[in-house]
Each structure stands twice: as structure tokens, then as C-alpha cells.
PDB file of all heavy atoms in Angstrom:
ATOM      1  N   GLY A   1      46.212 -18.745  -6.786  1.00  0.00           N
ATOM      2  CA  GLY A   1      45.127 -18.223  -7.615  1.00  0.00           C
ATOM      3  C   GLY A   1      43.807 -19.142  -7.603  1.00  0.00           C
ATOM      4  O   GLY A   1      42.723 -18.572  -7.535  1.00  0.00           O
ATOM      5  N   GLN A   2      44.132 -20.382  -7.523  1.00  0.00           N
ATOM      6  CA  GLN A   2      42.901 -21.339  -7.386  1.00  0.00           C
ATOM      7  C   GLN A   2      42.226 -21.193  -5.999  1.00  0.00           C
ATOM      8  O   GLN A   2      41.026 -21.197  -5.941  1.00  0.00           O
ATOM      9  CB  GLN A   2      43.357 -22.698  -7.679  1.00  0.00           C
ATOM     10  CG  GLN A   2      43.603 -23.003  -9.077  1.00  0.00           C
ATOM     11  CD  GLN A   2      42.425 -22.813  -9.946  1.00  0.00           C
ATOM     12  OE1 GLN A   2      41.424 -23.436  -9.830  1.00  0.00           O
ATOM     13  NE2 GLN A   2      42.615 -21.853 -10.934  1.00  0.00           N
ATOM     14  N   ARG A   3      42.927 -20.921  -4.989  1.00  0.00           N
ATOM     15  CA  ARG A   3      42.367 -20.683  -3.678  1.00  0.00           C
ATOM     16  C   ARG A   3      41.521 -19.416  -3.632  1.00  0.00           C
ATOM     17  O   ARG A   3      40.488 -19.360  -3.136  1.00  0.00           O
ATOM     18  CB  ARG A   3      43.474 -20.708  -2.519  1.00  0.00           C
ATOM     19  CG  ARG A   3      43.962 -22.073  -2.348  1.00  0.00           C
ATOM     20  CD  ARG A   3      44.958 -22.103  -1.076  1.00  0.00           C
ATOM     21  NE  ARG A   3      46.113 -21.328  -1.309  1.00  0.00           N
ATOM     22  CZ  ARG A   3      47.293 -21.920  -1.685  1.00  0.00           C
ATOM     23  NH1 ARG A   3      47.310 -23.148  -1.927  1.00  0.00           N
ATOM     24  NH2 ARG A   3      48.373 -21.124  -1.782  1.00  0.00           N
ATOM     25  N   ILE A   4      42.102 -18.403  -4.337  1.00  0.00           N
ATOM     26  CA  ILE A   4      41.367 -17.067  -4.297  1.00  0.00           C
ATOM     27  C   ILE A   4      40.018 -17.293  -5.098  1.00  0.00           C
ATOM     28  O   ILE A   4      39.077 -16.818  -4.713  1.00  0.00           O
ATOM     29  CB  ILE A   4      42.181 -15.970  -4.972  1.00  0.00           C
ATOM     30  CG1 ILE A   4      43.433 -15.708  -4.140  1.00  0.00           C
ATOM     31  CG2 ILE A   4      41.400 -14.689  -5.041  1.00  0.00           C
ATOM     32  CD1 ILE A   4      44.508 -14.739  -4.779  1.00  0.00           C
ATOM     33  N   LEU A   5      40.201 -18.023  -6.254  1.00  0.00           N
ATOM     34  CA  LEU A   5      39.018 -18.270  -7.137  1.00  0.00           C
ATOM     35  C   LEU A   5      37.855 -19.037  -6.342  1.00  0.00           C
ATOM     36  O   LEU A   5      36.699 -18.800  -6.517  1.00  0.00           O
ATOM     37  CB  LEU A   5      39.409 -19.004  -8.366  1.00  0.00           C
ATOM     38  CG  LEU A   5      38.310 -19.003  -9.456  1.00  0.00           C
ATOM     39  CD1 LEU A   5      37.759 -17.686  -9.870  1.00  0.00           C
ATOM     40  CD2 LEU A   5      38.757 -19.766 -10.665  1.00  0.00           C
ATOM     41  N   ALA A   6      38.379 -20.049  -5.486  1.00  0.00           N
ATOM     42  CA  ALA A   6      37.426 -20.822  -4.770  1.00  0.00           C
ATOM     43  C   ALA A   6      36.691 -20.004  -3.801  1.00  0.00           C
ATOM     44  O   ALA A   6      35.522 -20.069  -3.557  1.00  0.00           O
ATOM     45  CB  ALA A   6      38.187 -21.937  -4.015  1.00  0.00           C
ATOM     46  N   ARG A   7      37.403 -19.009  -3.096  1.00  0.00           N
ATOM     47  CA  ARG A   7      36.711 -18.077  -2.223  1.00  0.00           C
ATOM     48  C   ARG A   7      35.693 -17.246  -2.929  1.00  0.00           C
ATOM     49  O   ARG A   7      34.574 -17.015  -2.473  1.00  0.00           O
ATOM     50  CB  ARG A   7      37.823 -17.169  -1.603  1.00  0.00           C
ATOM     51  CG  ARG A   7      37.345 -15.863  -0.920  1.00  0.00           C
ATOM     52  CD  ARG A   7      36.868 -16.029   0.493  1.00  0.00           C
ATOM     53  NE  ARG A   7      36.391 -14.760   1.048  1.00  0.00           N
ATOM     54  CZ  ARG A   7      37.260 -13.900   1.737  1.00  0.00           C
ATOM     55  NH1 ARG A   7      38.510 -14.398   2.061  1.00  0.00           N
ATOM     56  NH2 ARG A   7      36.832 -12.818   2.241  1.00  0.00           N
ATOM     57  N   LEU A   8      36.109 -16.677  -4.068  1.00  0.00           N
ATOM     58  CA  LEU A   8      35.128 -15.855  -4.790  1.00  0.00           C
ATOM     59  C   LEU A   8      33.950 -16.601  -5.336  1.00  0.00           C
ATOM     60  O   LEU A   8      32.793 -16.199  -5.265  1.00  0.00           O
ATOM     61  CB  LEU A   8      35.804 -15.211  -5.996  1.00  0.00           C
ATOM     62  CG  LEU A   8      36.903 -14.240  -5.675  1.00  0.00           C
ATOM     63  CD1 LEU A   8      37.631 -13.664  -6.924  1.00  0.00           C
ATOM     64  CD2 LEU A   8      36.328 -13.023  -4.785  1.00  0.00           C
ATOM     65  N   ALA A   9      34.298 -17.842  -5.774  1.00  0.00           N
ATOM     66  CA  ALA A   9      33.128 -18.693  -6.214  1.00  0.00           C
ATOM     67  C   ALA A   9      32.093 -19.013  -5.079  1.00  0.00           C
ATOM     68  O   ALA A   9      30.876 -19.169  -5.336  1.00  0.00           O
ATOM     69  CB  ALA A   9      33.615 -20.045  -6.736  1.00  0.00           C
ATOM     70  N   ASN A  10      32.641 -19.126  -3.938  1.00  0.00           N
ATOM     71  CA  ASN A  10      31.661 -19.369  -2.753  1.00  0.00           C
ATOM     72  C   ASN A  10      30.894 -18.127  -2.419  1.00  0.00           C
ATOM     73  O   ASN A  10      29.758 -18.262  -1.982  1.00  0.00           O
ATOM     74  CB  ASN A  10      32.542 -19.732  -1.538  1.00  0.00           C
ATOM     75  CG  ASN A  10      32.997 -21.148  -1.474  1.00  0.00           C
ATOM     76  OD1 ASN A  10      32.334 -22.045  -2.177  1.00  0.00           O
ATOM     77  ND2 ASN A  10      34.138 -21.512  -0.904  1.00  0.00           N
ATOM     78  N   GLU A  11      31.362 -16.937  -2.786  1.00  0.00           N
ATOM     79  CA  GLU A  11      30.685 -15.710  -2.373  1.00  0.00           C
ATOM     80  C   GLU A  11      29.837 -15.224  -3.514  1.00  0.00           C
ATOM     81  O   GLU A  11      28.902 -14.373  -3.415  1.00  0.00           O
ATOM     82  CB  GLU A  11      31.691 -14.637  -2.008  1.00  0.00           C
ATOM     83  CG  GLU A  11      32.493 -15.049  -0.776  1.00  0.00           C
ATOM     84  CD  GLU A  11      33.553 -13.911  -0.362  1.00  0.00           C
ATOM     85  OE1 GLU A  11      33.492 -12.819  -0.992  1.00  0.00           O
ATOM     86  OE2 GLU A  11      34.237 -14.177   0.643  1.00  0.00           O
ATOM     87  N   ILE A  12      30.076 -15.684  -4.755  1.00  0.00           N
ATOM     88  CA  ILE A  12      29.309 -15.144  -5.899  1.00  0.00           C
ATOM     89  C   ILE A  12      27.857 -15.383  -5.844  1.00  0.00           C
ATOM     90  O   ILE A  12      27.060 -14.459  -6.110  1.00  0.00           O
ATOM     91  CB  ILE A  12      29.901 -15.766  -7.212  1.00  0.00           C
ATOM     92  CG1 ILE A  12      31.169 -14.958  -7.537  1.00  0.00           C
ATOM     93  CG2 ILE A  12      28.891 -15.714  -8.347  1.00  0.00           C
ATOM     94  CD1 ILE A  12      32.001 -15.611  -8.755  1.00  0.00           C
ATOM     95  N   PRO A  13      27.310 -16.626  -5.434  1.00  0.00           N
ATOM     96  CA  PRO A  13      25.839 -16.714  -5.392  1.00  0.00           C
ATOM     97  C   PRO A  13      25.150 -15.753  -4.466  1.00  0.00           C
ATOM     98  O   PRO A  13      24.089 -15.101  -4.890  1.00  0.00           O
ATOM     99  CB  PRO A  13      25.661 -18.157  -4.737  1.00  0.00           C
ATOM    100  CG  PRO A  13      26.907 -18.862  -5.214  1.00  0.00           C
ATOM    101  CD  PRO A  13      28.002 -17.848  -5.075  1.00  0.00           C
ATOM    102  N   ALA A  14      25.732 -15.346  -3.259  1.00  0.00           N
ATOM    103  CA  ALA A  14      25.234 -14.316  -2.466  1.00  0.00           C
ATOM    104  C   ALA A  14      25.270 -12.946  -3.169  1.00  0.00           C
ATOM    105  O   ALA A  14      24.278 -12.149  -3.105  1.00  0.00           O
ATOM    106  CB  ALA A  14      25.838 -14.231  -1.122  1.00  0.00           C
ATOM    107  N   ALA A  15      26.280 -12.713  -3.786  1.00  0.00           N
ATOM    108  CA  ALA A  15      26.491 -11.370  -4.532  1.00  0.00           C
ATOM    109  C   ALA A  15      25.424 -11.298  -5.702  1.00  0.00           C
ATOM    110  O   ALA A  15      24.785 -10.199  -5.846  1.00  0.00           O
ATOM    111  CB  ALA A  15      27.901 -11.300  -5.156  1.00  0.00           C
ATOM    112  N   VAL A  16      25.164 -12.383  -6.354  1.00  0.00           N
ATOM    113  CA  VAL A  16      24.170 -12.383  -7.501  1.00  0.00           C
ATOM    114  C   VAL A  16      22.823 -12.219  -6.772  1.00  0.00           C
ATOM    115  O   VAL A  16      21.984 -11.383  -7.309  1.00  0.00           O
ATOM    116  CB  VAL A  16      24.252 -13.773  -8.235  1.00  0.00           C
ATOM    117  CG1 VAL A  16      22.953 -13.873  -9.078  1.00  0.00           C
ATOM    118  CG2 VAL A  16      25.518 -13.755  -9.049  1.00  0.00           C
ATOM    119  N   ASP A  17      22.465 -12.839  -5.765  1.00  0.00           N
ATOM    120  CA  ASP A  17      21.112 -12.668  -5.178  1.00  0.00           C
ATOM    121  C   ASP A  17      20.922 -11.212  -4.671  1.00  0.00           C
ATOM    122  O   ASP A  17      19.869 -10.613  -4.939  1.00  0.00           O
ATOM    123  CB  ASP A  17      21.010 -13.599  -4.002  1.00  0.00           C
ATOM    124  CG  ASP A  17      20.862 -15.094  -4.287  1.00  0.00           C
ATOM    125  OD1 ASP A  17      20.650 -15.348  -5.438  1.00  0.00           O
ATOM    126  OD2 ASP A  17      21.086 -15.898  -3.430  1.00  0.00           O
ATOM    127  N   ARG A  18      21.991 -10.589  -4.207  1.00  0.00           N
ATOM    128  CA  ARG A  18      21.932  -9.212  -3.798  1.00  0.00           C
ATOM    129  C   ARG A  18      21.659  -8.260  -5.030  1.00  0.00           C
ATOM    130  O   ARG A  18      20.865  -7.387  -5.019  1.00  0.00           O
ATOM    131  CB  ARG A  18      23.123  -8.928  -3.026  1.00  0.00           C
ATOM    132  CG  ARG A  18      23.234  -7.302  -2.654  1.00  0.00           C
ATOM    133  CD  ARG A  18      22.120  -6.816  -1.833  1.00  0.00           C
ATOM    134  NE  ARG A  18      22.348  -5.419  -1.469  1.00  0.00           N
ATOM    135  CZ  ARG A  18      21.279  -4.634  -1.223  1.00  0.00           C
ATOM    136  NH1 ARG A  18      19.978  -5.057  -1.274  1.00  0.00           N
ATOM    137  NH2 ARG A  18      21.468  -3.366  -0.907  1.00  0.00           N
ATOM    138  N   ALA A  19      22.554  -8.549  -5.961  1.00  0.00           N
ATOM    139  CA  ALA A  19      22.475  -7.729  -7.221  1.00  0.00           C
ATOM    140  C   ALA A  19      21.011  -7.812  -7.787  1.00  0.00           C
ATOM    141  O   ALA A  19      20.515  -6.779  -8.326  1.00  0.00           O
ATOM    142  CB  ALA A  19      23.476  -8.189  -8.258  1.00  0.00           C
ATOM    143  N   MET A  20      20.459  -8.926  -7.875  1.00  0.00           N
ATOM    144  CA  MET A  20      19.116  -9.031  -8.565  1.00  0.00           C
ATOM    145  C   MET A  20      18.044  -8.413  -7.784  1.00  0.00           C
ATOM    146  O   MET A  20      16.896  -8.182  -8.318  1.00  0.00           O
ATOM    147  CB  MET A  20      18.749 -10.604  -8.757  1.00  0.00           C
ATOM    148  CG  MET A  20      19.661 -11.282  -9.688  1.00  0.00           C
ATOM    149  SD  MET A  20      19.275 -13.058  -9.781  1.00  0.00           S
ATOM    150  CE  MET A  20      17.630 -13.010 -10.425  1.00  0.00           C
ATOM    151  N   GLN A  21      18.246  -8.013  -6.481  1.00  0.00           N
ATOM    152  CA  GLN A  21      17.283  -7.253  -5.776  1.00  0.00           C
ATOM    153  C   GLN A  21      17.260  -5.731  -5.843  1.00  0.00           C
ATOM    154  O   GLN A  21      16.423  -5.110  -5.491  1.00  0.00           O
ATOM    155  CB  GLN A  21      17.464  -7.627  -4.236  1.00  0.00           C
ATOM    156  CG  GLN A  21      17.207  -9.080  -3.972  1.00  0.00           C
ATOM    157  CD  GLN A  21      17.564  -9.375  -2.490  1.00  0.00           C
ATOM    158  OE1 GLN A  21      17.871  -8.493  -1.635  1.00  0.00           O
ATOM    159  NE2 GLN A  21      17.514 -10.697  -2.123  1.00  0.00           N
ATOM    160  N   LEU A  22      18.418  -5.250  -6.544  1.00  0.00           N
ATOM    161  CA  LEU A  22      18.633  -3.813  -6.640  1.00  0.00           C
ATOM    162  C   LEU A  22      17.738  -3.213  -7.665  1.00  0.00           C
ATOM    163  O   LEU A  22      17.698  -3.748  -8.755  1.00  0.00           O
ATOM    164  CB  LEU A  22      20.044  -3.595  -6.813  1.00  0.00           C
ATOM    165  CG  LEU A  22      21.042  -3.977  -5.830  1.00  0.00           C
ATOM    166  CD1 LEU A  22      22.541  -3.602  -6.175  1.00  0.00           C
ATOM    167  CD2 LEU A  22      20.742  -3.392  -4.446  1.00  0.00           C
ATOM    168  N   SER A  23      17.182  -2.033  -7.328  1.00  0.00           N
ATOM    169  CA  SER A  23      16.436  -1.280  -8.260  1.00  0.00           C
ATOM    170  C   SER A  23      17.344  -0.248  -8.950  1.00  0.00           C
ATOM    171  O   SER A  23      18.587  -0.142  -8.591  1.00  0.00           O
ATOM    172  CB  SER A  23      15.296  -0.507  -7.546  1.00  0.00           C
ATOM    173  OG  SER A  23      15.877   0.413  -6.640  1.00  0.00           O
ATOM    174  N   ASP A  24      16.843   0.525  -9.876  1.00  0.00           N
ATOM    175  CA  ASP A  24      17.590   1.549 -10.539  1.00  0.00           C
ATOM    176  C   ASP A  24      18.172   2.549  -9.526  1.00  0.00           C
ATOM    177  O   ASP A  24      19.287   2.995  -9.575  1.00  0.00           O
ATOM    178  CB  ASP A  24      16.777   2.326 -11.495  1.00  0.00           C
ATOM    179  CG  ASP A  24      16.553   1.509 -12.800  1.00  0.00           C
ATOM    180  OD1 ASP A  24      17.115   0.318 -12.897  1.00  0.00           O
ATOM    181  OD2 ASP A  24      15.977   2.043 -13.741  1.00  0.00           O
ATOM    182  N   ASP A  25      17.424   2.843  -8.494  1.00  0.00           N
ATOM    183  CA  ASP A  25      17.775   3.874  -7.484  1.00  0.00           C
ATOM    184  C   ASP A  25      18.869   3.246  -6.571  1.00  0.00           C
ATOM    185  O   ASP A  25      19.704   4.016  -5.974  1.00  0.00           O
ATOM    186  CB  ASP A  25      16.598   4.253  -6.632  1.00  0.00           C
ATOM    187  CG  ASP A  25      15.591   5.122  -7.434  1.00  0.00           C
ATOM    188  OD1 ASP A  25      16.025   5.777  -8.450  1.00  0.00           O
ATOM    189  OD2 ASP A  25      14.400   5.210  -7.055  1.00  0.00           O
ATOM    190  N   ASP A  26      18.856   1.869  -6.378  1.00  0.00           N
ATOM    191  CA  ASP A  26      19.789   1.211  -5.558  1.00  0.00           C
ATOM    192  C   ASP A  26      21.145   0.991  -6.199  1.00  0.00           C
ATOM    193  O   ASP A  26      22.160   0.825  -5.589  1.00  0.00           O
ATOM    194  CB  ASP A  26      19.228   0.005  -4.888  1.00  0.00           C
ATOM    195  CG  ASP A  26      18.121   0.294  -4.043  1.00  0.00           C
ATOM    196  OD1 ASP A  26      18.124   1.320  -3.352  1.00  0.00           O
ATOM    197  OD2 ASP A  26      17.147  -0.473  -4.115  1.00  0.00           O
ATOM    198  N   ARG A  27      21.025   0.758  -7.566  1.00  0.00           N
ATOM    199  CA  ARG A  27      22.261   0.395  -8.307  1.00  0.00           C
ATOM    200  C   ARG A  27      23.296   1.636  -8.203  1.00  0.00           C
ATOM    201  O   ARG A  27      22.837   2.744  -8.399  1.00  0.00           O
ATOM    202  CB  ARG A  27      21.809   0.098  -9.751  1.00  0.00           C
ATOM    203  CG  ARG A  27      22.976  -0.473 -10.558  1.00  0.00           C
ATOM    204  CD  ARG A  27      22.465  -0.827 -11.907  1.00  0.00           C
ATOM    205  NE  ARG A  27      22.190   0.416 -12.679  1.00  0.00           N
ATOM    206  CZ  ARG A  27      21.021   0.722 -13.187  1.00  0.00           C
ATOM    207  NH1 ARG A  27      19.877  -0.119 -12.933  1.00  0.00           N
ATOM    208  NH2 ARG A  27      20.750   1.784 -13.871  1.00  0.00           N
ATOM    209  N   GLN A  28      24.483   1.341  -8.036  1.00  0.00           N
ATOM    210  CA  GLN A  28      25.507   2.465  -8.025  1.00  0.00           C
ATOM    211  C   GLN A  28      26.829   1.940  -8.314  1.00  0.00           C
ATOM    212  O   GLN A  28      27.148   0.766  -8.342  1.00  0.00           O
ATOM    213  CB  GLN A  28      25.442   3.057  -6.582  1.00  0.00           C
ATOM    214  CG  GLN A  28      25.826   2.113  -5.488  1.00  0.00           C
ATOM    215  CD  GLN A  28      27.314   2.032  -5.255  1.00  0.00           C
ATOM    216  OE1 GLN A  28      28.050   2.850  -5.384  1.00  0.00           O
ATOM    217  NE2 GLN A  28      27.747   0.871  -4.686  1.00  0.00           N
ATOM    218  N   ALA A  29      27.718   2.845  -8.810  1.00  0.00           N
ATOM    219  CA  ALA A  29      29.097   2.569  -9.183  1.00  0.00           C
ATOM    220  C   ALA A  29      30.106   3.433  -8.389  1.00  0.00           C
ATOM    221  O   ALA A  29      31.145   3.761  -8.896  1.00  0.00           O
ATOM    222  CB  ALA A  29      29.259   2.719 -10.672  1.00  0.00           C
ATOM    223  N   PHE A  30      29.836   3.761  -7.146  1.00  0.00           N
ATOM    224  CA  PHE A  30      30.654   4.646  -6.341  1.00  0.00           C
ATOM    225  C   PHE A  30      31.738   3.900  -5.702  1.00  0.00           C
ATOM    226  O   PHE A  30      31.491   3.122  -4.621  1.00  0.00           O
ATOM    227  CB  PHE A  30      29.745   5.404  -5.365  1.00  0.00           C
ATOM    228  CG  PHE A  30      30.691   6.509  -4.540  1.00  0.00           C
ATOM    229  CD1 PHE A  30      31.123   7.576  -5.169  1.00  0.00           C
ATOM    230  CD2 PHE A  30      30.777   6.264  -3.187  1.00  0.00           C
ATOM    231  CE1 PHE A  30      31.788   8.467  -4.400  1.00  0.00           C
ATOM    232  CE2 PHE A  30      31.494   7.200  -2.399  1.00  0.00           C
ATOM    233  CZ  PHE A  30      31.993   8.305  -3.119  1.00  0.00           C
TER     234      PHE A  30
END
């Protein structure tokens, strides 16, 4: 579990940067 969490923690900053760039038209839940 800790190894999985470490992988996700490494990827979260890029995910946050991408999320903050999305507009209403780009945001989706599909």
C-alpha cells in the first residue's frame, strides 16, 4: 500500500497542474 501511495504521490503534482488548466468545457466525468 505504501509503494502504491508513493507512486500516486509522485504523479499527483502533474495531475493537479493539468486539472488547474481545465475550463468548464474541458472538465468532464466520463
